Amino acid sequence: MTVQSPMGAQQGTLAITVDGGAFKGTQTSATFGSSDIEGTVEGDTLKWSSKVTSPMPMTLEHTITFTGDTLSGSVKAGAFGTFPVTGARA
């Protein structure tokens, strides 16, 4: 997946396992490293929050919708606003 942020395109990988209305997995990027994530599943949409410490501490709120093998959505980065997310199944 790719987040279009003020720091440029931030690429990462999601590895998830869905179990009913919830999911668990790992979110990995070169900038932020790897972190365990878990959240909710509503139809084709995943929602979760993650904390980062660089470039400053903040909570990122993700909303991602899957359509076939592609994903799109957004990540809200605290007071910095909301940024688009796109990606494809590997």
PDB file of N, CA and C in Angstrom:
ATOM      1  N   MET A   1       0.837  -1.170   0.000  1.00  0.00           N
ATOM      2  CA  MET A   1       0.000   0.000   0.000  1.00  0.00           C
ATOM      3  C   MET A   1       0.881   1.231   0.000  1.00  0.00           C
ATOM      4  N   THR A   2       0.343   2.344  -0.514  1.00  0.00           N
ATOM      5  CA  THR A   2       1.085   3.599  -0.582  1.00  0.00           C
ATOM      6  C   THR A   2       0.233   4.717   0.010  1.00  0.00           C
ATOM      7  N   VAL A   3       0.808   5.458   0.965  1.00  0.00           N
ATOM      8  CA  VAL A   3       0.157   6.623   1.553  1.00  0.00           C
ATOM      9  C   VAL A   3       0.799   7.860   0.940  1.00  0.00           C
ATOM     10  N   GLN A   4      -0.014   8.752   0.385  1.00  0.00           N
ATOM     11  CA  GLN A   4       0.492  10.007  -0.175  1.00  0.00           C
ATOM     12  C   GLN A   4       0.521  11.039   0.948  1.00  0.00           C
ATOM     13  N   SER A   5       1.686  11.203   1.574  1.00  0.00           N
ATOM     14  CA  SER A   5       1.822  12.087   2.729  1.00  0.00           C
ATOM     15  C   SER A   5       2.648  13.324   2.366  1.00  0.00           C
ATOM     16  N   PRO A   6       2.682  14.323   3.252  1.00  0.00           N
ATOM     17  CA  PRO A   6       3.525  15.494   3.005  1.00  0.00           C
ATOM     18  C   PRO A   6       5.015  15.144   2.920  1.00  0.00           C
ATOM     19  N   MET A   7       5.406  13.989   3.457  1.00  0.00           N
ATOM     20  CA  MET A   7       6.788  13.527   3.382  1.00  0.00           C
ATOM     21  C   MET A   7       7.037  12.737   2.098  1.00  0.00           C
ATOM     22  N   GLY A   8       6.081  12.735   1.177  1.00  0.00           N
ATOM     23  CA  GLY A   8       6.184  11.968  -0.056  1.00  0.00           C
ATOM     24  C   GLY A   8       5.431  10.660   0.069  1.00  0.00           C
ATOM     25  N   ALA A   9       5.507   9.859  -0.981  1.00  0.00           N
ATOM     26  CA  ALA A   9       4.820   8.563  -0.997  1.00  0.00           C
ATOM     27  C   ALA A   9       5.489   7.622   0.004  1.00  0.00           C
ATOM     28  N   GLN A  10       4.696   7.104   0.939  1.00  0.00           N
ATOM     29  CA  GLN A  10       5.180   6.174   1.960  1.00  0.00           C
ATOM     30  C   GLN A  10       4.636   4.786   1.641  1.00  0.00           C
ATOM     31  N   GLN A  11       5.522   3.877   1.246  1.00  0.00           N
ATOM     32  CA  GLN A  11       5.085   2.540   0.855  1.00  0.00           C
ATOM     33  C   GLN A  11       5.211   1.565   2.009  1.00  0.00           C
ATOM     34  N   GLY A  12       4.260   0.636   2.053  1.00  0.00           N
ATOM     35  CA  GLY A  12       4.256  -0.356   3.109  1.00  0.00           C
ATOM     36  C   GLY A  12       3.522  -1.606   2.687  1.00  0.00           C
ATOM     37  N   THR A  13       3.486  -2.557   3.588  1.00  0.00           N
ATOM     38  CA  THR A  13       2.850  -3.849   3.340  1.00  0.00           C
ATOM     39  C   THR A  13       1.922  -4.191   4.494  1.00  0.00           C
ATOM     40  N   LEU A  14       0.754  -4.720   4.160  1.00  0.00           N
ATOM     41  CA  LEU A  14      -0.177  -5.255   5.154  1.00  0.00           C
ATOM     42  C   LEU A  14      -0.220  -6.768   5.015  1.00  0.00           C
ATOM     43  N   ALA A  15      -0.198  -7.474   6.118  1.00  0.00           N
ATOM     44  CA  ALA A  15      -0.430  -8.916   6.153  1.00  0.00           C
ATOM     45  C   ALA A  15      -1.501  -9.123   7.214  1.00  0.00           C
ATOM     46  N   ILE A  16      -2.699  -9.537   6.789  1.00  0.00           N
ATOM     47  CA  ILE A  16      -3.820  -9.613   7.723  1.00  0.00           C
ATOM     48  C   ILE A  16      -4.520 -10.960   7.654  1.00  0.00           C
ATOM     49  N   THR A  17      -5.203 -11.281   8.751  1.00  0.00           N
ATOM     50  CA  THR A  17      -6.068 -12.445   8.834  1.00  0.00           C
ATOM     51  C   THR A  17      -7.409 -11.968   9.384  1.00  0.00           C
ATOM     52  N   VAL A  18      -8.465 -12.208   8.611  1.00  0.00           N
ATOM     53  CA  VAL A  18      -9.807 -11.784   8.997  1.00  0.00           C
ATOM     54  C   VAL A  18     -10.512 -12.918   9.725  1.00  0.00           C
ATOM     55  N   ASP A  19     -11.205 -12.569  10.811  1.00  0.00           N
ATOM     56  CA  ASP A  19     -11.992 -13.534  11.568  1.00  0.00           C
ATOM     57  C   ASP A  19     -13.315 -12.872  11.918  1.00  0.00           C
ATOM     58  N   GLY A  20     -14.318 -13.054  11.065  1.00  0.00           N
ATOM     59  CA  GLY A  20     -15.623 -12.432  11.288  1.00  0.00           C
ATOM     60  C   GLY A  20     -15.556 -10.930  11.149  1.00  0.00           C
ATOM     61  N   GLY A  21     -15.934 -10.216  12.198  1.00  0.00           N
ATOM     62  CA  GLY A  21     -15.953  -8.760  12.179  1.00  0.00           C
ATOM     63  C   GLY A  21     -14.678  -8.120  12.685  1.00  0.00           C
ATOM     64  N   ALA A  22     -13.596  -8.914  12.771  1.00  0.00           N
ATOM     65  CA  ALA A  22     -12.322  -8.384  13.258  1.00  0.00           C
ATOM     66  C   ALA A  22     -11.173  -8.917  12.413  1.00  0.00           C
ATOM     67  N   PHE A  23     -10.018  -8.274  12.527  1.00  0.00           N
ATOM     68  CA  PHE A  23      -8.825  -8.775  11.864  1.00  0.00           C
ATOM     69  C   PHE A  23      -7.610  -8.486  12.733  1.00  0.00           C
ATOM     70  N   LYS A  24      -6.547  -9.246  12.493  1.00  0.00           N
ATOM     71  CA  LYS A  24      -5.238  -9.041  13.119  1.00  0.00           C
ATOM     72  C   LYS A  24      -4.202  -9.150  12.020  1.00  0.00           C
ATOM     73  N   GLY A  25      -3.064  -8.519  12.242  1.00  0.00           N
ATOM     74  CA  GLY A  25      -2.008  -8.616  11.252  1.00  0.00           C
ATOM     75  C   GLY A  25      -0.817  -7.760  11.584  1.00  0.00           C
ATOM     76  N   THR A  26      -0.037  -7.478  10.526  1.00  0.00           N
ATOM     77  CA  THR A  26       1.183  -6.697  10.636  1.00  0.00           C
ATOM     78  C   THR A  26       1.199  -5.637   9.561  1.00  0.00           C
ATOM     79  N   GLN A  27       1.617  -4.451   9.933  1.00  0.00           N
ATOM     80  CA  GLN A  27       1.810  -3.337   9.003  1.00  0.00           C
ATOM     81  C   GLN A  27       3.301  -3.028   9.007  1.00  0.00           C
ATOM     82  N   THR A  28       3.938  -3.023   7.819  1.00  0.00           N
ATOM     83  CA  THR A  28       5.374  -2.832   7.718  1.00  0.00           C
ATOM     84  C   THR A  28       5.689  -1.746   6.706  1.00  0.00           C
ATOM     85  N   SER A  29       6.618  -0.852   7.059  1.00  0.00           N
ATOM     86  CA  SER A  29       7.107   0.140   6.108  1.00  0.00           C
ATOM     87  C   SER A  29       8.564   0.455   6.420  1.00  0.00           C
ATOM     88  N   ALA A  30       9.298   0.932   5.412  1.00  0.00           N
ATOM     89  CA  ALA A  30      10.701   1.283   5.617  1.00  0.00           C
ATOM     90  C   ALA A  30      10.824   2.458   6.579  1.00  0.00           C
ATOM     91  N   THR A  31       9.878   3.380   6.546  1.00  0.00           N
ATOM     92  CA  THR A  31       9.937   4.576   7.385  1.00  0.00           C
ATOM     93  C   THR A  31       9.588   4.288   8.837  1.00  0.00           C
ATOM     94  N   PHE A  32       8.525   3.503   9.066  1.00  0.00           N
ATOM     95  CA  PHE A  32       8.003   3.315  10.422  1.00  0.00           C
ATOM     96  C   PHE A  32       8.277   1.935  11.005  1.00  0.00           C
ATOM     97  N   GLY A  33       8.917   1.041  10.266  1.00  0.00           N
ATOM     98  CA  GLY A  33       9.199  -0.295  10.764  1.00  0.00           C
ATOM     99  C   GLY A  33       7.960  -1.180  10.707  1.00  0.00           C
ATOM    100  N   SER A  34       7.913  -2.154  11.589  1.00  0.00           N
ATOM    101  CA  SER A  34       6.828  -3.133  11.606  1.00  0.00           C
ATOM    102  C   SER A  34       6.064  -3.039  12.921  1.00  0.00           C
ATOM    103  N   SER A  35       4.733  -3.141  12.817  1.00  0.00           N
ATOM    104  CA  SER A  35       3.928  -3.139  14.035  1.00  0.00           C
ATOM    105  C   SER A  35       2.732  -4.062  13.867  1.00  0.00           C
ATOM    106  N   ASP A  36       2.335  -4.669  14.974  1.00  0.00           N
ATOM    107  CA  ASP A  36       1.137  -5.492  14.981  1.00  0.00           C
ATOM    108  C   ASP A  36      -0.072  -4.575  14.957  1.00  0.00           C
ATOM    109  N   ILE A  37      -1.097  -4.967  14.199  1.00  0.00           N
ATOM    110  CA  ILE A  37      -2.322  -4.181  14.136  1.00  0.00           C
ATOM    111  C   ILE A  37      -3.516  -5.093  14.336  1.00  0.00           C
ATOM    112  N   GLU A  38      -4.610  -4.508  14.773  1.00  0.00           N
ATOM    113  CA  GLU A  38      -5.884  -5.210  14.836  1.00  0.00           C
ATOM    114  C   GLU A  38      -6.980  -4.171  14.737  1.00  0.00           C
ATOM    115  N   GLY A  39      -8.085  -4.592  14.151  1.00  0.00           N
ATOM    116  CA  GLY A  39      -9.168  -3.647  13.960  1.00  0.00           C
ATOM    117  C   GLY A  39     -10.458  -4.342  13.596  1.00  0.00           C
ATOM    118  N   THR A  40     -11.354  -3.576  12.981  1.00  0.00           N
ATOM    119  CA  THR A  40     -12.676  -4.084  12.641  1.00  0.00           C
ATOM    120  C   THR A  40     -12.821  -4.279  11.137  1.00  0.00           C
ATOM    121  N   VAL A  41     -13.759  -5.160  10.780  1.00  0.00           N
ATOM    122  CA  VAL A  41     -14.108  -5.423   9.392  1.00  0.00           C
ATOM    123  C   VAL A  41     -15.595  -5.147   9.248  1.00  0.00           C
ATOM    124  N   GLU A  42     -15.935  -4.264   8.314  1.00  0.00           N
ATOM    125  CA  GLU A  42     -17.338  -3.959   8.018  1.00  0.00           C
ATOM    126  C   GLU A  42     -17.510  -4.124   6.514  1.00  0.00           C
ATOM    127  N   GLY A  43     -18.034  -5.266   6.072  1.00  0.00           N
ATOM    128  CA  GLY A  43     -18.131  -5.540   4.642  1.00  0.00           C
ATOM    129  C   GLY A  43     -16.746  -5.666   4.047  1.00  0.00           C
ATOM    130  N   ASP A  44     -16.397  -4.775   3.092  1.00  0.00           N
ATOM    131  CA  ASP A  44     -15.085  -4.778   2.449  1.00  0.00           C
ATOM    132  C   ASP A  44     -14.142  -3.744   3.060  1.00  0.00           C
ATOM    133  N   THR A  45     -14.501  -3.181   4.220  1.00  0.00           N
ATOM    134  CA  THR A  45     -13.722  -2.083   4.802  1.00  0.00           C
ATOM    135  C   THR A  45     -13.062  -2.503   6.112  1.00  0.00           C
ATOM    136  N   LEU A  46     -11.769  -2.183   6.223  1.00  0.00           N
ATOM    137  CA  LEU A  46     -11.000  -2.406   7.446  1.00  0.00           C
ATOM    138  C   LEU A  46     -10.749  -1.063   8.109  1.00  0.00           C
ATOM    139  N   LYS A  47     -10.813  -1.030   9.442  1.00  0.00           N
ATOM    140  CA  LYS A  47     -10.510   0.178  10.202  1.00  0.00           C
ATOM    141  C   LYS A  47      -9.601  -0.200  11.365  1.00  0.00           C
ATOM    142  N   TRP A  48      -8.537   0.621  11.561  1.00  0.00           N
ATOM    143  CA  TRP A  48      -7.648   0.404  12.686  1.00  0.00           C
ATOM    144  C   TRP A  48      -6.862   1.679  12.987  1.00  0.00           C
ATOM    145  N   SER A  49      -6.294   1.721  14.178  1.00  0.00           N
ATOM    146  CA  SER A  49      -5.426   2.819  14.596  1.00  0.00           C
ATOM    147  C   SER A  49      -4.050   2.257  14.897  1.00  0.00           C
ATOM    148  N   SER A  50      -3.029   3.058  14.627  1.00  0.00           N
ATOM    149  CA  SER A  50      -1.666   2.671  14.974  1.00  0.00           C
ATOM    150  C   SER A  50      -0.929   3.903  15.471  1.00  0.00           C
ATOM    151  N   LYS A  51       0.049   3.681  16.328  1.00  0.00           N
ATOM    152  CA  LYS A  51       0.831   4.786  16.882  1.00  0.00           C
ATOM    153  C   LYS A  51       2.215   4.799  16.232  1.00  0.00           C
ATOM    154  N   VAL A  52       2.692   6.007  15.927  1.00  0.00           N
ATOM    155  CA  VAL A  52       4.047   6.174  15.415  1.00  0.00           C
ATOM    156  C   VAL A  52       4.782   7.159  16.320  1.00  0.00           C
ATOM    157  N   THR A  53       6.104   7.078  16.323  1.00  0.00           N
ATOM    158  CA  THR A  53       6.914   7.983  17.131  1.00  0.00           C
ATOM    159  C   THR A  53       7.774   8.900  16.269  1.00  0.00           C
ATOM    160  N   SER A  54       7.872   8.602  14.957  1.00  0.00           N
ATOM    161  CA  SER A  54       8.707   9.398  14.065  1.00  0.00           C
ATOM    162  C   SER A  54       7.883   9.835  12.861  1.00  0.00           C
ATOM    163  N   PRO A  55       7.928  11.039  12.398  1.00  0.00           N
ATOM    164  CA  PRO A  55       8.830  12.092  12.840  1.00  0.00           C
ATOM    165  C   PRO A  55       8.414  12.727  14.167  1.00  0.00           C
ATOM    166  N   MET A  56       7.193  12.437  14.637  1.00  0.00           N
ATOM    167  CA  MET A  56       6.743  12.869  15.961  1.00  0.00           C
ATOM    168  C   MET A  56       5.651  11.909  16.418  1.00  0.00           C
ATOM    169  N   PRO A  57       5.443  11.784  17.724  1.00  0.00           N
ATOM    170  CA  PRO A  57       4.410  10.865  18.211  1.00  0.00           C
ATOM    171  C   PRO A  57       3.010  11.288  17.753  1.00  0.00           C
ATOM    172  N   MET A  58       2.268  10.328  17.200  1.00  0.00           N
ATOM    173  CA  MET A  58       0.874  10.572  16.834  1.00  0.00           C
ATOM    174  C   MET A  58       0.180   9.251  16.586  1.00  0.00           C
ATOM    175  N   THR A  59      -1.142   9.310  16.584  1.00  0.00           N
ATOM    176  CA  THR A  59      -1.962   8.148  16.260  1.00  0.00           C
ATOM    177  C   THR A  59      -2.471   8.301  14.835  1.00  0.00           C
ATOM    178  N   LEU A  60      -2.310   7.250  14.037  1.00  0.00           N
ATOM    179  CA  LEU A  60      -2.798   7.217  12.667  1.00  0.00           C
ATOM    180  C   LEU A  60      -4.073   6.392  12.631  1.00  0.00           C
ATOM    181  N   GLU A  61      -5.132   6.934  12.038  1.00  0.00           N
ATOM    182  CA  GLU A  61      -6.415   6.241  11.942  1.00  0.00           C
ATOM    183  C   GLU A  61      -6.642   5.847  10.486  1.00  0.00           C
ATOM    184  N   HIS A  62      -6.659   4.534  10.227  1.00  0.00           N
ATOM    185  CA  HIS A  62      -6.770   3.997   8.875  1.00  0.00           C
ATOM    186  C   HIS A  62      -8.190   3.531   8.567  1.00  0.00           C
ATOM    187  N   THR A  63      -8.644   3.815   7.356  1.00  0.00           N
ATOM    188  CA  THR A  63      -9.892   3.271   6.820  1.00  0.00           C
ATOM    189  C   THR A  63      -9.586   2.830   5.397  1.00  0.00           C
ATOM    190  N   ILE A  64      -9.615   1.523   5.150  1.00  0.00           N
ATOM    191  CA  ILE A  64      -9.216   0.951   3.869  1.00  0.00           C
ATOM    192  C   ILE A  64     -10.344   0.074   3.336  1.00  0.00           C
ATOM    193  N   THR A  65     -10.712   0.267   2.063  1.00  0.00           N
ATOM    194  CA  THR A  65     -11.733  -0.552   1.428  1.00  0.00           C
ATOM    195  C   THR A  65     -11.107  -1.369   0.307  1.00  0.00           C
ATOM    196  N   PHE A  66     -11.420  -2.668   0.286  1.00  0.00           N
ATOM    197  CA  PHE A  66     -10.928  -3.570  -0.750  1.00  0.00           C
ATOM    198  C   PHE A  66     -11.979  -3.741  -1.831  1.00  0.00           C
ATOM    199  N   THR A  67     -11.544  -3.654  -3.089  1.00  0.00           N
ATOM    200  CA  THR A  67     -12.386  -3.920  -4.245  1.00  0.00           C
ATOM    201  C   THR A  67     -11.607  -4.880  -5.129  1.00  0.00           C
ATOM    202  N   GLY A  68     -11.988  -6.147  -5.106  1.00  0.00           N
ATOM    203  CA  GLY A  68     -11.206  -7.143  -5.839  1.00  0.00           C
ATOM    204  C   GLY A  68      -9.804  -7.220  -5.267  1.00  0.00           C
ATOM    205  N   ASP A  69      -8.794  -7.016  -6.129  1.00  0.00           N
ATOM    206  CA  ASP A  69      -7.402  -7.085  -5.692  1.00  0.00           C
ATOM    207  C   ASP A  69      -6.788  -5.718  -5.412  1.00  0.00           C
ATOM    208  N   THR A  70      -7.604  -4.669  -5.350  1.00  0.00           N
ATOM    209  CA  THR A  70      -7.071  -3.336  -5.061  1.00  0.00           C
ATOM    210  C   THR A  70      -7.649  -2.810  -3.753  1.00  0.00           C
ATOM    211  N   LEU A  71      -6.967  -1.837  -3.192  1.00  0.00           N
ATOM    212  CA  LEU A  71      -7.462  -1.193  -1.988  1.00  0.00           C
ATOM    213  C   LEU A  71      -7.342   0.315  -2.153  1.00  0.00           C
ATOM    214  N   SER A  72      -8.210   1.015  -1.472  1.00  0.00           N
ATOM    215  CA  SER A  72      -8.146   2.474  -1.441  1.00  0.00           C
ATOM    216  C   SER A  72      -8.731   2.929  -0.117  1.00  0.00           C
ATOM    217  N   GLY A  73      -8.380   4.122   0.270  1.00  0.00           N
ATOM    218  CA  GLY A  73      -8.902   4.634   1.526  1.00  0.00           C
ATOM    219  C   GLY A  73      -8.124   5.834   1.977  1.00  0.00           C
ATOM    220  N   SER A  74      -8.014   5.971   3.310  1.00  0.00           N
ATOM    221  CA  SER A  74      -7.347   7.138   3.857  1.00  0.00           C
ATOM    222  C   SER A  74      -6.717   6.812   5.201  1.00  0.00           C
ATOM    223  N   VAL A  75      -5.776   7.665   5.573  1.00  0.00           N
ATOM    224  CA  VAL A  75      -5.186   7.607   6.900  1.00  0.00           C
ATOM    225  C   VAL A  75      -5.202   9.026   7.453  1.00  0.00           C
ATOM    226  N   LYS A  76      -5.780   9.169   8.650  1.00  0.00           N
ATOM    227  CA  LYS A  76      -5.832  10.460   9.318  1.00  0.00           C
ATOM    228  C   LYS A  76      -4.637  10.545  10.255  1.00  0.00           C
ATOM    229  N   ALA A  77      -3.827  11.593  10.065  1.00  0.00           N
ATOM    230  CA  ALA A  77      -2.596  11.759  10.834  1.00  0.00           C
ATOM    231  C   ALA A  77      -2.748  12.918  11.807  1.00  0.00           C
ATOM    232  N   GLY A  78      -3.553  12.735  12.824  1.00  0.00           N
ATOM    233  CA  GLY A  78      -3.748  13.754  13.845  1.00  0.00           C
ATOM    234  C   GLY A  78      -4.124  15.103  13.253  1.00  0.00           C
ATOM    235  N   ALA A  79      -3.471  16.162  13.716  1.00  0.00           N
ATOM    236  CA  ALA A  79      -3.758  17.528  13.269  1.00  0.00           C
ATOM    237  C   ALA A  79      -3.224  17.804  11.864  1.00  0.00           C
ATOM    238  N   PHE A  80      -2.481  16.850  11.272  1.00  0.00           N
ATOM    239  CA  PHE A  80      -1.888  17.057   9.955  1.00  0.00           C
ATOM    240  C   PHE A  80      -2.853  16.767   8.815  1.00  0.00           C
ATOM    241  N   GLY A  81      -4.015  16.232   9.131  1.00  0.00           N
ATOM    242  CA  GLY A  81      -5.020  15.994   8.097  1.00  0.00           C
ATOM    243  C   GLY A  81      -5.116  14.544   7.686  1.00  0.00           C
ATOM    244  N   THR A  82      -5.825  14.341   6.584  1.00  0.00           N
ATOM    245  CA  THR A  82      -6.101  13.001   6.071  1.00  0.00           C
ATOM    246  C   THR A  82      -5.440  12.850   4.712  1.00  0.00           C
ATOM    247  N   PHE A  83      -4.815  11.692   4.492  1.00  0.00           N
ATOM    248  CA  PHE A  83      -4.058  11.440   3.268  1.00  0.00           C
ATOM    249  C   PHE A  83      -4.580  10.190   2.564  1.00  0.00           C
ATOM    250  N   PRO A  84      -4.582  10.184   1.218  1.00  0.00           N
ATOM    251  CA  PRO A  84      -5.085   9.041   0.470  1.00  0.00           C
ATOM    252  C   PRO A  84      -4.147   7.833   0.540  1.00  0.00           C
ATOM    253  N   VAL A  85      -4.758   6.651   0.489  1.00  0.00           N
ATOM    254  CA  VAL A  85      -4.041   5.378   0.491  1.00  0.00           C
ATOM    255  C   VAL A  85      -4.516   4.569  -0.704  1.00  0.00           C
ATOM    256  N   THR A  86      -3.591   3.957  -1.434  1.00  0.00           N
ATOM    257  CA  THR A  86      -3.919   3.047  -2.531  1.00  0.00           C
ATOM    258  C   THR A  86      -3.021   1.818  -2.419  1.00  0.00           C
ATOM    259  N   GLY A  87      -3.402   0.759  -3.120  1.00  0.00           N
ATOM    260  CA  GLY A  87      -2.571  -0.430  -3.107  1.00  0.00           C
ATOM    261  C   GLY A  87      -3.190  -1.575  -3.862  1.00  0.00           C
ATOM    262  N   ALA A  88      -2.479  -2.691  -3.880  1.00  0.00           N
ATOM    263  CA  ALA A  88      -2.934  -3.885  -4.589  1.00  0.00           C
ATOM    264  C   ALA A  88      -2.479  -5.124  -3.828  1.00  0.00           C
ATOM    265  N   ARG A  89      -3.253  -6.186  -4.018  1.00  0.00           N
ATOM    266  CA  ARG A  89      -2.910  -7.471  -3.394  1.00  0.00           C
ATOM    267  C   ARG A  89      -1.635  -8.008  -4.059  1.00  0.00           C
ATOM    268  N   ALA A  90      -0.727  -8.498  -3.228  1.00  0.00           N
ATOM    269  CA  ALA A  90       0.543  -9.047  -3.742  1.00  0.00           C
ATOM    270  C   ALA A  90       0.336 -10.450  -4.270  1.00  0.00           C
TER     271      ALA A  90
END
